[in-house]
Amino acid sequence: RKNLHHVTRWLPLLHRNRVRDMKVVTFFTVRGGSGKTVLSAAFASYARYILGKRVMVLDFDGPEYNLYNMRARELDYIKGNGIEFDANNLYIVDKVENRDNESLDILSANLRYLKDEFEYVVMDFSGSFSDGDAICQLAMDGVIDLVVIPIELDAINISSAKSLALLFEENGQMTLPFFNRVHGKENPELYDRLRAWFEKHGVKVSENIVKNSLAMKKEMGVKGFLRSTVCFPEKDIREKNPGIINLFEEIIRYEERGVQKTEDS
């Protein structure tokens, strides 16, 4: 019993509505500071607060646990300022502290039991990618449905994203690379050429582009904040960085196609 992962404590929180399947999504790259944590929070918030999906977020990125701590800061701000909100509408954000092989095996098993209770599980990992890392084991276990890979416009990052996508795809893991933190000053044809280069090497890149935006670094409590685990400022995001919403909609469509393809095969 002492080896049971604390994921089991979520069971009493779940209602009895059932869905056909659960999708596990991660934004991942081997480069630190790529914005994957911000995108993870934004996608979870979009899925929950705009689309009404049942969502859970697992933060594997210790010891910082930036996404988990973001939620804590937001709740402190809300309570400290007497802001009314529906706590029951929040999605779960939890940190995964035990990341040894045995604990991850137990986590994988418990997630299978929860597969009919959540529509989306978002996993946020560290930027490390080796045999001992959680993302490697969970991908090999078939737990992750889609790895969304941010690509920034420098030669090392582009080459790394191609190699990472190919490695995942060769092992049966679906990926969706996309151009992230784009300044918008580049010739649009550059992206077409890069997409063609990726496709030549067997990697399909999203048509959606996410702009480089300082506003994405602003959390609740700062005027004009865009990132949050307790809400999704849709109007501001559509104005300042609409590619984010377009990307999220593509992820959802991509997941649906992936599930259908798996069932038909």
C-alpha atoms as a PDB file:
ATOM      1  CA  ARG A   1       0.000   0.000   0.000  1.00  0.00           C
ATOM      2  CA  LYS A   2       2.845   2.398   0.743  1.00  0.00           C
ATOM      3  CA  ASN A   3       3.855   2.186  -2.949  1.00  0.00           C
ATOM      4  CA  LEU A   4       0.487   3.379  -4.228  1.00  0.00           C
ATOM      5  CA  HIS A   5       0.935   6.709  -5.979  1.00  0.00           C
ATOM      6  CA  HIS A   6      -1.059   9.587  -4.505  1.00  0.00           C
ATOM      7  CA  VAL A   7      -3.007   9.834  -7.777  1.00  0.00           C
ATOM      8  CA  THR A   8      -5.550   7.524  -6.070  1.00  0.00           C
ATOM      9  CA  ARG A   9      -6.753  10.397  -3.906  1.00  0.00           C
ATOM     10  CA  TRP A  10      -8.404  11.950  -6.965  1.00  0.00           C
ATOM     11  CA  LEU A  11     -10.897   9.092  -7.206  1.00  0.00           C
ATOM     12  CA  PRO A  12     -13.401  10.487  -4.652  1.00  0.00           C
ATOM     13  CA  LEU A  13     -13.473  13.813  -6.557  1.00  0.00           C
ATOM     14  CA  LEU A  14     -14.749  12.290  -9.774  1.00  0.00           C
ATOM     15  CA  HIS A  15     -18.393  12.380 -10.796  1.00  0.00           C
ATOM     16  CA  ARG A  16     -20.090   9.549 -12.636  1.00  0.00           C
ATOM     17  CA  ASN A  17     -20.428  11.098 -16.088  1.00  0.00           C
ATOM     18  CA  ARG A  18     -18.522   8.926 -18.541  1.00  0.00           C
ATOM     19  CA  VAL A  19     -16.807   9.840 -21.792  1.00  0.00           C
ATOM     20  CA  ARG A  20     -15.519   7.584 -24.533  1.00  0.00           C
ATOM     21  CA  ASP A  21     -11.836   8.186 -23.949  1.00  0.00           C
ATOM     22  CA  MET A  22      -9.236  10.318 -22.213  1.00  0.00           C
ATOM     23  CA  LYS A  23      -6.536  12.215 -24.092  1.00  0.00           C
ATOM     24  CA  VAL A  24      -3.111  12.828 -22.575  1.00  0.00           C
ATOM     25  CA  VAL A  25      -1.278  15.838 -24.008  1.00  0.00           C
ATOM     26  CA  THR A  26       2.133  17.299 -23.297  1.00  0.00           C
ATOM     27  CA  PHE A  27       3.970  20.336 -24.663  1.00  0.00           C
ATOM     28  CA  PHE A  28       7.564  19.196 -24.746  1.00  0.00           C
ATOM     29  CA  THR A  29      10.979  20.180 -26.014  1.00  0.00           C
ATOM     30  CA  VAL A  30      14.488  19.507 -24.769  1.00  0.00           C
ATOM     31  CA  ARG A  31      15.174  23.219 -24.580  1.00  0.00           C
ATOM     32  CA  GLY A  32      14.508  24.968 -21.275  1.00  0.00           C
ATOM     33  CA  GLY A  33      12.557  28.223 -21.213  1.00  0.00           C
ATOM     34  CA  SER A  34      10.597  27.290 -24.324  1.00  0.00           C
ATOM     35  CA  GLY A  35       7.226  28.319 -22.917  1.00  0.00           C
ATOM     36  CA  LYS A  36       5.935  24.768 -22.579  1.00  0.00           C
ATOM     37  CA  THR A  37       4.644  25.365 -19.033  1.00  0.00           C
ATOM     38  CA  VAL A  38       2.745  28.488 -20.092  1.00  0.00           C
ATOM     39  CA  LEU A  39       1.233  26.618 -23.038  1.00  0.00           C
ATOM     40  CA  SER A  40       0.324  23.672 -20.810  1.00  0.00           C
ATOM     41  CA  ALA A  41      -1.569  25.961 -18.429  1.00  0.00           C
ATOM     42  CA  ALA A  42      -3.217  27.839 -21.288  1.00  0.00           C
ATOM     43  CA  PHE A  43      -4.351  24.665 -23.044  1.00  0.00           C
ATOM     44  CA  ALA A  44      -5.760  23.193 -19.824  1.00  0.00           C
ATOM     45  CA  SER A  45      -7.597  26.446 -19.119  1.00  0.00           C
ATOM     46  CA  TYR A  46      -8.960  26.659 -22.647  1.00  0.00           C
ATOM     47  CA  ALA A  47     -10.174  23.066 -22.538  1.00  0.00           C
ATOM     48  CA  ARG A  48     -11.814  23.544 -19.139  1.00  0.00           C
ATOM     49  CA  TYR A  49     -13.150  27.103 -19.048  1.00  0.00           C
ATOM     50  CA  ILE A  50     -14.007  27.616 -22.723  1.00  0.00           C
ATOM     51  CA  LEU A  51     -14.870  24.110 -23.908  1.00  0.00           C
ATOM     52  CA  GLY A  52     -16.151  22.731 -20.604  1.00  0.00           C
ATOM     53  CA  LYS A  53     -13.905  19.653 -20.676  1.00  0.00           C
ATOM     54  CA  ARG A  54     -12.977  17.702 -17.552  1.00  0.00           C
ATOM     55  CA  VAL A  55      -9.263  18.361 -17.153  1.00  0.00           C
ATOM     56  CA  MET A  56      -6.419  17.331 -14.886  1.00  0.00           C
ATOM     57  CA  VAL A  57      -2.867  18.733 -14.951  1.00  0.00           C
ATOM     58  CA  LEU A  58       0.162  16.820 -13.661  1.00  0.00           C
ATOM     59  CA  ASP A  59       3.371  18.751 -13.053  1.00  0.00           C
ATOM     60  CA  PHE A  60       6.458  16.517 -13.326  1.00  0.00           C
ATOM     61  CA  ASP A  61       8.882  19.440 -13.542  1.00  0.00           C
ATOM     62  CA  GLY A  62      10.425  19.323 -10.087  1.00  0.00           C
ATOM     63  CA  PRO A  63      11.862  20.673  -7.976  1.00  0.00           C
ATOM     64  CA  GLU A  64      10.470  23.977  -9.296  1.00  0.00           C
ATOM     65  CA  TYR A  65       6.937  22.741 -10.114  1.00  0.00           C
ATOM     66  CA  ASN A  66       6.218  26.056 -11.809  1.00  0.00           C
ATOM     67  CA  LEU A  67       2.731  25.138 -13.005  1.00  0.00           C
ATOM     68  CA  TYR A  68       1.671  23.753  -9.630  1.00  0.00           C
ATOM     69  CA  ASN A  69       3.001  26.851  -7.885  1.00  0.00           C
ATOM     70  CA  MET A  70       1.285  29.123 -10.419  1.00  0.00           C
ATOM     71  CA  ARG A  71      -2.047  27.707  -9.278  1.00  0.00           C
ATOM     72  CA  ALA A  72      -1.086  28.295  -5.622  1.00  0.00           C
ATOM     73  CA  ARG A  73      -0.144  31.936  -6.330  1.00  0.00           C
ATOM     74  CA  GLU A  74      -3.410  32.547  -8.151  1.00  0.00           C
ATOM     75  CA  LEU A  75      -5.488  31.100  -5.323  1.00  0.00           C
ATOM     76  CA  ASP A  76      -3.575  33.235  -2.823  1.00  0.00           C
ATOM     77  CA  TYR A  77      -4.274  36.316  -4.942  1.00  0.00           C
ATOM     78  CA  ILE A  78      -7.972  35.490  -5.271  1.00  0.00           C
ATOM     79  CA  LYS A  79      -8.406  34.873  -1.553  1.00  0.00           C
ATOM     80  CA  GLY A  80      -6.269  37.864  -0.569  1.00  0.00           C
ATOM     81  CA  ASN A  81      -8.363  40.196  -2.710  1.00  0.00           C
ATOM     82  CA  GLY A  82     -11.740  38.776  -1.740  1.00  0.00           C
ATOM     83  CA  ILE A  83     -12.559  37.750  -5.325  1.00  0.00           C
ATOM     84  CA  GLU A  84     -15.536  35.440  -5.666  1.00  0.00           C
ATOM     85  CA  PHE A  85     -14.992  32.341  -7.778  1.00  0.00           C
ATOM     86  CA  ASP A  86     -16.347  28.839  -8.166  1.00  0.00           C
ATOM     87  CA  ALA A  87     -13.715  26.520  -6.687  1.00  0.00           C
ATOM     88  CA  ASN A  88     -15.655  23.501  -7.932  1.00  0.00           C
ATOM     89  CA  ASN A  89     -15.082  24.638 -11.511  1.00  0.00           C
ATOM     90  CA  LEU A  90     -11.300  24.534 -11.236  1.00  0.00           C
ATOM     91  CA  TYR A  91      -9.417  21.694 -12.832  1.00  0.00           C
ATOM     92  CA  ILE A  92      -7.001  19.651 -10.736  1.00  0.00           C
ATOM     93  CA  VAL A  93      -3.342  20.695 -10.730  1.00  0.00           C
ATOM     94  CA  ASP A  94      -1.048  18.291  -8.905  1.00  0.00           C
ATOM     95  CA  LYS A  95       2.674  17.696  -8.738  1.00  0.00           C
ATOM     96  CA  VAL A  96       4.272  14.288  -9.248  1.00  0.00           C
ATOM     97  CA  GLU A  97       7.162  14.024  -6.815  1.00  0.00           C
ATOM     98  CA  ASN A  98       7.874  10.287  -7.100  1.00  0.00           C
ATOM     99  CA  ARG A  99       9.329   9.769 -10.562  1.00  0.00           C
ATOM    100  CA  ASP A 100      11.244   6.518 -10.155  1.00  0.00           C
ATOM    101  CA  ASN A 101      10.359   3.627 -12.466  1.00  0.00           C
ATOM    102  CA  GLU A 102       8.121   1.857  -9.978  1.00  0.00           C
ATOM    103  CA  SER A 103       6.153   4.989  -9.138  1.00  0.00           C
ATOM    104  CA  LEU A 104       5.665   5.791 -12.823  1.00  0.00           C
ATOM    105  CA  ASP A 105       4.430   2.246 -13.452  1.00  0.00           C
ATOM    106  CA  ILE A 106       1.841   2.733 -10.710  1.00  0.00           C
ATOM    107  CA  LEU A 107       0.903   6.136 -12.104  1.00  0.00           C
ATOM    108  CA  SER A 108       0.385   4.619 -15.549  1.00  0.00           C
ATOM    109  CA  ALA A 109      -1.864   1.935 -14.097  1.00  0.00           C
ATOM    110  CA  ASN A 110      -3.913   4.432 -12.090  1.00  0.00           C
ATOM    111  CA  LEU A 111      -4.362   6.688 -15.116  1.00  0.00           C
ATOM    112  CA  ARG A 112      -5.852   3.756 -16.981  1.00  0.00           C
ATOM    113  CA  TYR A 113      -8.453   3.450 -14.225  1.00  0.00           C
ATOM    114  CA  LEU A 114      -9.238   7.152 -14.628  1.00  0.00           C
ATOM    115  CA  LYS A 115      -9.451   7.097 -18.406  1.00  0.00           C
ATOM    116  CA  ASP A 116     -13.239   7.353 -18.414  1.00  0.00           C
ATOM    117  CA  GLU A 117     -13.364  10.155 -15.858  1.00  0.00           C
ATOM    118  CA  PHE A 118     -11.242  12.867 -17.493  1.00  0.00           C
ATOM    119  CA  GLU A 119     -11.374  14.102 -21.049  1.00  0.00           C
ATOM    120  CA  TYR A 120      -7.914  15.687 -20.983  1.00  0.00           C
ATOM    121  CA  VAL A 121      -4.834  15.137 -18.858  1.00  0.00           C
ATOM    122  CA  VAL A 122      -2.048  17.657 -19.468  1.00  0.00           C
ATOM    123  CA  MET A 123       1.449  16.655 -18.373  1.00  0.00           C
ATOM    124  CA  ASP A 124       4.233  19.194 -17.896  1.00  0.00           C
ATOM    125  CA  PHE A 125       7.739  17.674 -17.904  1.00  0.00           C
ATOM    126  CA  SER A 126      11.238  19.029 -17.446  1.00  0.00           C
ATOM    127  CA  GLY A 127      13.336  19.658 -20.548  1.00  0.00           C
ATOM    128  CA  SER A 128      15.467  16.573 -19.994  1.00  0.00           C
ATOM    129  CA  PHE A 129      15.077  13.606 -22.364  1.00  0.00           C
ATOM    130  CA  SER A 130      16.964  10.471 -21.341  1.00  0.00           C
ATOM    131  CA  ASP A 131      16.113   6.920 -20.320  1.00  0.00           C
ATOM    132  CA  GLY A 132      15.502   7.881 -16.705  1.00  0.00           C
ATOM    133  CA  ASP A 133      13.105  10.738 -17.431  1.00  0.00           C
ATOM    134  CA  ALA A 134       9.376  10.444 -16.832  1.00  0.00           C
ATOM    135  CA  ILE A 135       8.379  11.455 -20.347  1.00  0.00           C
ATOM    136  CA  CYS A 136      10.428   8.620 -21.852  1.00  0.00           C
ATOM    137  CA  GLN A 137       8.876   5.944 -19.663  1.00  0.00           C
ATOM    138  CA  LEU A 138       5.306   7.235 -20.010  1.00  0.00           C
ATOM    139  CA  ALA A 139       5.648   7.539 -23.778  1.00  0.00           C
ATOM    140  CA  MET A 140       7.007   3.997 -23.976  1.00  0.00           C
ATOM    141  CA  ASP A 141       4.096   2.816 -21.807  1.00  0.00           C
ATOM    142  CA  GLY A 142       1.688   4.294 -24.358  1.00  0.00           C
ATOM    143  CA  VAL A 143       0.254   6.732 -21.817  1.00  0.00           C
ATOM    144  CA  ILE A 144       0.777   9.922 -23.862  1.00  0.00           C
ATOM    145  CA  ASP A 145      -1.468  10.494 -26.864  1.00  0.00           C
ATOM    146  CA  LEU A 146       0.091  13.637 -28.325  1.00  0.00           C
ATOM    147  CA  VAL A 147       3.421  15.426 -27.872  1.00  0.00           C
ATOM    148  CA  VAL A 148       3.177  19.062 -29.007  1.00  0.00           C
ATOM    149  CA  ILE A 149       6.655  20.332 -29.865  1.00  0.00           C
ATOM    150  CA  PRO A 150       7.458  24.085 -29.869  1.00  0.00           C
ATOM    151  CA  ILE A 151       9.987  25.137 -32.531  1.00  0.00           C
ATOM    152  CA  GLU A 152      11.894  28.411 -32.311  1.00  0.00           C
ATOM    153  CA  LEU A 153      13.728  29.921 -35.253  1.00  0.00           C
ATOM    154  CA  ASP A 154      17.340  29.047 -34.606  1.00  0.00           C
ATOM    155  CA  ALA A 155      19.338  26.302 -36.259  1.00  0.00           C
ATOM    156  CA  ILE A 156      19.948  24.245 -33.107  1.00  0.00           C
ATOM    157  CA  ASN A 157      16.310  24.348 -32.043  1.00  0.00           C
ATOM    158  CA  ILE A 158      15.066  23.448 -35.522  1.00  0.00           C
ATOM    159  CA  SER A 159      17.433  20.494 -35.786  1.00  0.00           C
ATOM    160  CA  SER A 160      16.564  19.345 -32.264  1.00  0.00           C
ATOM    161  CA  ALA A 161      12.818  19.545 -32.940  1.00  0.00           C
ATOM    162  CA  LYS A 162      13.178  17.465 -36.091  1.00  0.00           C
ATOM    163  CA  SER A 163      15.198  14.780 -34.309  1.00  0.00           C
ATOM    164  CA  LEU A 164      12.797  14.723 -31.353  1.00  0.00           C
ATOM    165  CA  ALA A 165       9.702  14.434 -33.553  1.00  0.00           C
ATOM    166  CA  LEU A 166      11.248  11.638 -35.601  1.00  0.00           C
ATOM    167  CA  LEU A 167      12.290   9.751 -32.475  1.00  0.00           C
ATOM    168  CA  PHE A 168       8.778   9.928 -31.073  1.00  0.00           C
ATOM    169  CA  GLU A 169       7.087   9.061 -34.366  1.00  0.00           C
ATOM    170  CA  GLU A 170       9.405   6.087 -35.000  1.00  0.00           C
ATOM    171  CA  ASN A 171       8.244   4.688 -31.670  1.00  0.00           C
ATOM    172  CA  GLY A 172       4.555   5.157 -32.504  1.00  0.00           C
ATOM    173  CA  GLN A 173       4.076   8.404 -30.584  1.00  0.00           C
ATOM    174  CA  MET A 174       1.990  11.084 -32.323  1.00  0.00           C
ATOM    175  CA  THR A 175       3.540  14.557 -32.422  1.00  0.00           C
ATOM    176  CA  LEU A 176       2.492  18.024 -33.500  1.00  0.00           C
ATOM    177  CA  PRO A 177       5.415  20.448 -33.958  1.00  0.00           C
ATOM    178  CA  PHE A 178       4.596  24.145 -34.362  1.00  0.00           C
ATOM    179  CA  PHE A 179       6.485  27.436 -34.669  1.00  0.00           C
ATOM    180  CA  ASN A 180       6.541  29.230 -31.319  1.00  0.00           C
ATOM    181  CA  ARG A 181       7.620  32.692 -30.143  1.00  0.00           C
ATOM    182  CA  VAL A 182       7.541  34.084 -33.649  1.00  0.00           C
ATOM    183  CA  HIS A 183       8.385  37.789 -33.914  1.00  0.00           C
ATOM    184  CA  GLY A 184       6.445  38.308 -37.128  1.00  0.00           C
ATOM    185  CA  LYS A 185       9.235  40.255 -38.823  1.00  0.00           C
ATOM    186  CA  GLU A 186      10.388  37.260 -40.844  1.00  0.00           C
ATOM    187  CA  ASN A 187       9.328  36.685 -44.432  1.00  0.00           C
ATOM    188  CA  PRO A 188       6.213  34.433 -44.324  1.00  0.00           C
ATOM    189  CA  GLU A 189       7.781  32.320 -47.061  1.00  0.00           C
ATOM    190  CA  LEU A 190      10.428  31.296 -44.531  1.00  0.00           C
ATOM    191  CA  TYR A 191       7.865  29.209 -42.661  1.00  0.00           C
ATOM    192  CA  ASP A 192       6.699  27.556 -45.861  1.00  0.00           C
ATOM    193  CA  ARG A 193      10.282  26.614 -46.696  1.00  0.00           C
ATOM    194  CA  LEU A 194      10.879  25.304 -43.193  1.00  0.00           C
ATOM    195  CA  ARG A 195       7.678  23.264 -43.250  1.00  0.00           C
ATOM    196  CA  ALA A 196       8.758  21.782 -46.582  1.00  0.00           C
ATOM    197  CA  TRP A 197      12.176  20.964 -45.094  1.00  0.00           C
ATOM    198  CA  PHE A 198      10.578  19.250 -42.098  1.00  0.00           C
ATOM    199  CA  GLU A 199       8.173  17.336 -44.327  1.00  0.00           C
ATOM    200  CA  LYS A 200      11.059  16.204 -46.518  1.00  0.00           C
ATOM    201  CA  HIS A 201      12.479  14.585 -43.395  1.00  0.00           C
ATOM    202  CA  GLY A 202       9.165  12.982 -42.467  1.00  0.00           C
ATOM    203  CA  VAL A 203       7.871  15.562 -39.982  1.00  0.00           C
ATOM    204  CA  LYS A 204       4.633  17.494 -40.499  1.00  0.00           C
ATOM    205  CA  VAL A 205       4.541  20.940 -38.876  1.00  0.00           C
ATOM    206  CA  SER A 206       1.378  22.796 -37.889  1.00  0.00           C
ATOM    207  CA  GLU A 207       0.179  25.696 -40.004  1.00  0.00           C
ATOM    208  CA  ASN A 208      -0.566  27.628 -36.808  1.00  0.00           C
ATOM    209  CA  ILE A 209       2.020  30.016 -35.434  1.00  0.00           C
ATOM    210  CA  VAL A 210       2.265  31.371 -31.877  1.00  0.00           C
ATOM    211  CA  LYS A 211       3.690  34.871 -31.578  1.00  0.00           C
ATOM    212  CA  ASN A 212       6.356  36.000 -29.160  1.00  0.00           C
ATOM    213  CA  SER A 213       4.404  37.961 -26.587  1.00  0.00           C
ATOM    214  CA  LEU A 214       5.580  39.493 -23.320  1.00  0.00           C
ATOM    215  CA  ALA A 215       1.969  39.432 -22.183  1.00  0.00           C
ATOM    216  CA  MET A 216       2.179  35.635 -21.929  1.00  0.00           C
ATOM    217  CA  LYS A 217       4.548  36.125 -18.982  1.00  0.00           C
ATOM    218  CA  LYS A 218       1.962  38.082 -16.989  1.00  0.00           C
ATOM    219  CA  GLU A 219       0.011  36.240 -14.315  1.00  0.00           C
ATOM    220  CA  MET A 220      -3.107  37.169 -12.376  1.00  0.00           C
ATOM    221  CA  GLY A 221      -2.533  40.310 -10.353  1.00  0.00           C
ATOM    222  CA  VAL A 222      -0.818  42.083 -13.235  1.00  0.00           C
ATOM    223  CA  LYS A 223      -2.798  44.262 -15.647  1.00  0.00           C
ATOM    224  CA  GLY A 224      -3.266  42.576 -18.997  1.00  0.00           C
ATOM    225  CA  PHE A 225      -2.298  39.088 -17.762  1.00  0.00           C
ATOM    226  CA  LEU A 226      -2.775  36.256 -20.246  1.00  0.00           C
ATOM    227  CA  ARG A 227      -1.632  33.132 -18.429  1.00  0.00           C
ATOM    228  CA  SER A 228      -3.738  31.540 -15.745  1.00  0.00           C
ATOM    229  CA  THR A 229      -4.871  28.219 -14.334  1.00  0.00           C
ATOM    230  CA  VAL A 230      -8.130  29.639 -12.952  1.00  0.00           C
ATOM    231  CA  CYS A 231      -9.484  31.352 -16.073  1.00  0.00           C
ATOM    232  CA  PHE A 232      -8.856  31.787 -19.790  1.00  0.00           C
ATOM    233  CA  PRO A 233      -8.806  35.468 -20.896  1.00  0.00           C
ATOM    234  CA  GLU A 234     -10.112  34.576 -24.332  1.00  0.00           C
ATOM    235  CA  LYS A 235     -10.829  38.104 -25.584  1.00  0.00           C
ATOM    236  CA  ASP A 236      -7.319  39.386 -24.798  1.00  0.00           C
ATOM    237  CA  ILE A 237      -5.632  36.285 -26.194  1.00  0.00           C
ATOM    238  CA  ARG A 238      -7.619  36.506 -29.435  1.00  0.00           C
ATOM    239  CA  GLU A 239      -6.450  40.111 -29.772  1.00  0.00           C
ATOM    240  CA  LYS A 240      -2.811  39.649 -28.797  1.00  0.00           C
ATOM    241  CA  ASN A 241      -1.968  36.077 -29.794  1.00  0.00           C
ATOM    242  CA  PRO A 242      -4.784  34.370 -31.743  1.00  0.00           C
ATOM    243  CA  GLY A 243      -2.454  31.623 -32.951  1.00  0.00           C
ATOM    244  CA  ILE A 244      -2.670  30.081 -29.478  1.00  0.00           C
ATOM    245  CA  ILE A 245      -6.388  29.410 -29.771  1.00  0.00           C
ATOM    246  CA  ASN A 246      -5.998  28.174 -33.338  1.00  0.00           C
ATOM    247  CA  LEU A 247      -3.269  25.790 -32.169  1.00  0.00           C
ATOM    248  CA  PHE A 248      -5.418  24.497 -29.317  1.00  0.00           C
ATOM    249  CA  GLU A 249      -8.317  23.847 -31.677  1.00  0.00           C
ATOM    250  CA  GLU A 250      -5.930  21.966 -33.954  1.00  0.00           C
ATOM    251  CA  ILE A 251      -4.711  19.862 -31.026  1.00  0.00           C
ATOM    252  CA  ILE A 252      -8.273  18.846 -30.232  1.00  0.00           C
ATOM    253  CA  ARG A 253      -9.009  17.981 -33.872  1.00  0.00           C
ATOM    254  CA  TYR A 254      -5.683  16.151 -34.097  1.00  0.00           C
ATOM    255  CA  GLU A 255      -6.545  14.095 -31.030  1.00  0.00           C
ATOM    256  CA  GLU A 256      -9.912  13.145 -32.467  1.00  0.00           C
ATOM    257  CA  ARG A 257      -8.315  12.019 -35.733  1.00  0.00           C
ATOM    258  CA  GLY A 258      -5.685  10.079 -33.812  1.00  0.00           C
ATOM    259  CA  VAL A 259      -8.268   8.253 -31.731  1.00  0.00           C
ATOM    260  CA  GLN A 260     -10.329   7.439 -34.818  1.00  0.00           C
ATOM    261  CA  LYS A 261      -7.253   6.216 -36.673  1.00  0.00           C
ATOM    262  CA  THR A 262      -6.329   3.943 -33.768  1.00  0.00           C
ATOM    263  CA  GLU A 263      -9.833   2.492 -33.567  1.00  0.00           C
ATOM    264  CA  ASP A 264      -9.989   1.843 -37.297  1.00  0.00           C
ATOM    265  CA  SER A 265      -6.571   0.191 -37.476  1.00  0.00           C
END
